[in-house]
Amino acid sequence: MSKHTQDYLSAIYIVKNPEEYDERDVHKAESYIQSFNDALNLELPLKNNKNELNILAMEKVRNCCLVIKQMIQEVPLTEKEFIKELEWNFEDARYKAPEQKLQWQRTQKTLIYHIPKPTEEWEFKVLSIFTTMTVDEIKKKYNMKNIRL
């Protein structure tokens, strides 16, 4: 577990158990959680809803390694170079804190390079996994872009 993840979990514990800590420590923990959530464009739950902190964070933070593995399963074996690069992205993401965006940006660049203009069903499926949009939504957006060209 990364230091950032440990710090975040410690901060959640402090906020959930304020009676065990100095008021200043609780305030620092709330500030740490707020900055973490701000980095992920999340809202901090109200102070009286402290039990929601952990649930909210875990619902919003996607696991890049799992997403990459799901994408690899959709890529045909004939796309060896693409699979090789996705595997590199997977290995790279394994050593990053979940809240870091670098592994997502690198994976996005890999997708843009290998799927500049999706045409195959598996390409739309891979993009769907990465973006969390449905295949139909991606096809619709892509078709709208092509109409404008």
Protein backbone atom coordinates (compact mmCIF):
# COMPACT_ATOMS: atom_id res chain seq x y z
CA MET A 1 0.00 0.00 0.00
CA SER A 2 1.36 3.41 -0.94
CA LYS A 3 2.14 6.11 1.61
CA HIS A 4 -0.61 8.30 0.11
CA THR A 5 -3.14 5.54 0.55
CA GLN A 6 -2.02 4.91 4.14
CA ASP A 7 -2.25 8.64 4.92
CA TYR A 8 -5.69 8.84 3.38
CA LEU A 9 -6.98 5.84 5.33
CA SER A 10 -5.46 7.24 8.54
CA ALA A 11 -7.20 10.56 7.90
CA ILE A 12 -10.53 8.78 7.42
CA TYR A 13 -10.03 6.93 10.70
CA ILE A 14 -9.26 10.18 12.55
CA VAL A 15 -12.33 11.91 11.11
CA LYS A 16 -14.54 8.94 11.95
CA ASN A 17 -13.20 8.80 15.53
CA PRO A 18 -12.72 12.45 16.54
CA GLU A 19 -13.11 11.73 20.24
CA GLU A 20 -9.77 9.89 20.19
CA TYR A 21 -7.81 12.84 18.74
CA ASP A 22 -6.97 16.45 19.35
CA GLU A 23 -9.26 18.90 17.55
CA ARG A 24 -6.29 20.20 15.54
CA ASP A 25 -5.49 16.67 14.29
CA VAL A 26 -9.10 16.16 13.25
CA HIS A 27 -9.02 19.44 11.34
CA LYS A 28 -5.76 18.41 9.59
CA ALA A 29 -7.30 15.06 8.65
CA GLU A 30 -10.40 16.77 7.24
CA SER A 31 -8.17 19.10 5.21
CA TYR A 32 -6.16 16.15 3.88
CA ILE A 33 -9.33 14.33 2.83
CA GLN A 34 -10.69 17.51 1.24
CA SER A 35 -7.53 18.01 -0.82
CA PHE A 36 -7.64 14.35 -1.90
CA ASN A 37 -11.28 14.68 -2.92
CA ASP A 38 -10.62 17.98 -4.69
CA ALA A 39 -7.94 16.26 -6.74
CA LEU A 40 -10.55 13.74 -7.84
CA ASN A 41 -13.27 16.39 -8.31
CA LEU A 42 -15.34 14.96 -5.49
CA GLU A 43 -17.32 16.72 -2.84
CA LEU A 44 -16.52 16.19 0.83
CA PRO A 45 -19.60 14.91 2.65
CA LEU A 46 -20.95 17.06 5.44
CA LYS A 47 -19.15 16.65 8.76
CA ASN A 48 -22.18 14.93 10.30
CA ASN A 49 -21.99 12.29 7.52
CA LYS A 50 -18.46 11.10 8.30
CA ASN A 51 -19.43 7.48 7.74
CA GLU A 52 -19.91 8.32 4.07
CA LEU A 53 -16.28 9.39 3.57
CA ASN A 54 -14.88 5.94 2.99
CA ILE A 55 -17.83 4.80 0.91
CA LEU A 56 -17.71 7.90 -1.30
CA ALA A 57 -13.99 7.61 -1.94
CA MET A 58 -14.14 3.91 -2.78
CA GLU A 59 -17.10 4.42 -5.13
CA LYS A 60 -15.40 7.22 -7.05
CA VAL A 61 -11.82 5.95 -7.34
CA ARG A 62 -11.47 3.40 -10.12
CA ASN A 63 -8.69 0.86 -10.06
CA CYS A 64 -6.55 1.53 -13.12
CA CYS A 65 -4.98 -1.94 -13.01
CA LEU A 66 -8.38 -3.63 -13.15
CA VAL A 67 -9.53 -1.37 -15.96
CA ILE A 68 -6.40 -2.17 -18.00
CA LYS A 69 -6.83 -5.92 -17.42
CA GLN A 70 -10.47 -5.69 -18.58
CA MET A 71 -9.35 -3.84 -21.72
CA ILE A 72 -6.64 -6.41 -22.48
CA GLN A 73 -9.27 -9.16 -22.41
CA GLU A 74 -11.16 -7.41 -25.22
CA VAL A 75 -8.16 -6.83 -27.50
CA PRO A 76 -7.67 -9.54 -30.14
CA LEU A 77 -4.47 -11.55 -29.80
CA THR A 78 -3.41 -10.33 -33.24
CA GLU A 79 -2.91 -6.83 -31.76
CA LYS A 80 0.37 -7.83 -30.11
CA GLU A 81 1.91 -4.35 -29.95
CA PHE A 82 -1.23 -2.88 -28.40
CA ILE A 83 -1.42 -5.66 -25.81
CA LYS A 84 2.28 -5.23 -25.02
CA GLU A 85 1.78 -1.51 -24.37
CA LEU A 86 -1.32 -2.10 -22.25
CA GLU A 87 0.65 -4.64 -20.21
CA TRP A 88 3.36 -2.02 -19.71
CA ASN A 89 0.67 0.42 -18.55
CA PHE A 90 -0.59 -2.24 -16.15
CA GLU A 91 2.87 -2.79 -14.65
CA ASP A 92 3.39 0.96 -14.37
CA ALA A 93 0.02 1.46 -12.67
CA ARG A 94 0.79 -1.26 -10.12
CA TYR A 95 3.43 0.99 -8.58
CA LYS A 96 1.36 4.18 -8.44
CA ALA A 97 -0.91 5.39 -5.67
CA PRO A 98 -4.58 5.03 -6.67
CA GLU A 99 -5.14 8.78 -6.43
CA GLN A 100 -2.40 9.59 -8.95
CA LYS A 101 -3.60 10.45 -12.42
CA LEU A 102 -0.37 9.65 -14.29
CA GLN A 103 -1.26 6.02 -15.03
CA TRP A 104 -4.64 7.12 -16.43
CA GLN A 105 -2.96 9.70 -18.68
CA ARG A 106 -0.41 7.18 -19.96
CA THR A 107 -3.11 4.62 -20.66
CA GLN A 108 -5.15 7.27 -22.47
CA LYS A 109 -2.17 8.08 -24.71
CA THR A 110 -1.79 4.38 -25.50
CA LEU A 111 -5.47 4.18 -26.47
CA ILE A 112 -5.27 7.30 -28.63
CA TYR A 113 -2.21 5.92 -30.42
CA HIS A 114 -3.67 2.46 -31.08
CA ILE A 115 -7.32 3.44 -31.59
CA PRO A 116 -7.22 6.83 -33.32
CA LYS A 117 -10.47 6.15 -35.20
CA PRO A 118 -12.42 3.21 -33.78
CA THR A 119 -14.15 1.04 -36.34
CA GLU A 120 -14.10 -2.47 -34.89
CA GLU A 121 -16.53 -3.58 -32.20
CA TRP A 122 -13.68 -4.56 -29.85
CA GLU A 123 -12.23 -1.04 -30.17
CA PHE A 124 -15.50 0.50 -29.03
CA LYS A 125 -15.66 -2.04 -26.19
CA VAL A 126 -12.13 -1.11 -25.02
CA LEU A 127 -12.99 2.59 -25.09
CA SER A 128 -16.20 1.83 -23.23
CA ILE A 129 -14.28 0.11 -20.44
CA PHE A 130 -11.85 3.01 -20.16
CA THR A 131 -14.42 5.81 -20.25
CA THR A 132 -17.31 4.03 -18.47
CA MET A 133 -19.55 5.15 -21.33
CA THR A 134 -21.64 2.56 -23.13
CA VAL A 135 -20.54 1.30 -26.52
CA ASP A 136 -23.56 2.99 -28.09
CA GLU A 137 -22.69 6.34 -26.47
CA ILE A 138 -19.15 6.14 -27.84
CA LYS A 139 -20.38 5.21 -31.32
CA LYS A 140 -22.83 8.09 -31.23
CA LYS A 141 -20.17 10.60 -30.16
CA TYR A 142 -17.72 9.30 -32.72
CA ASN A 143 -20.31 9.47 -35.50
CA MET A 144 -21.17 13.06 -34.52
CA LYS A 145 -17.49 13.99 -34.81
CA ASN A 146 -17.27 12.40 -38.24
CA ILE A 147 -20.33 14.31 -39.45
CA ARG A 148 -18.68 17.62 -38.54
CA LEU A 149 -15.55 16.82 -40.53
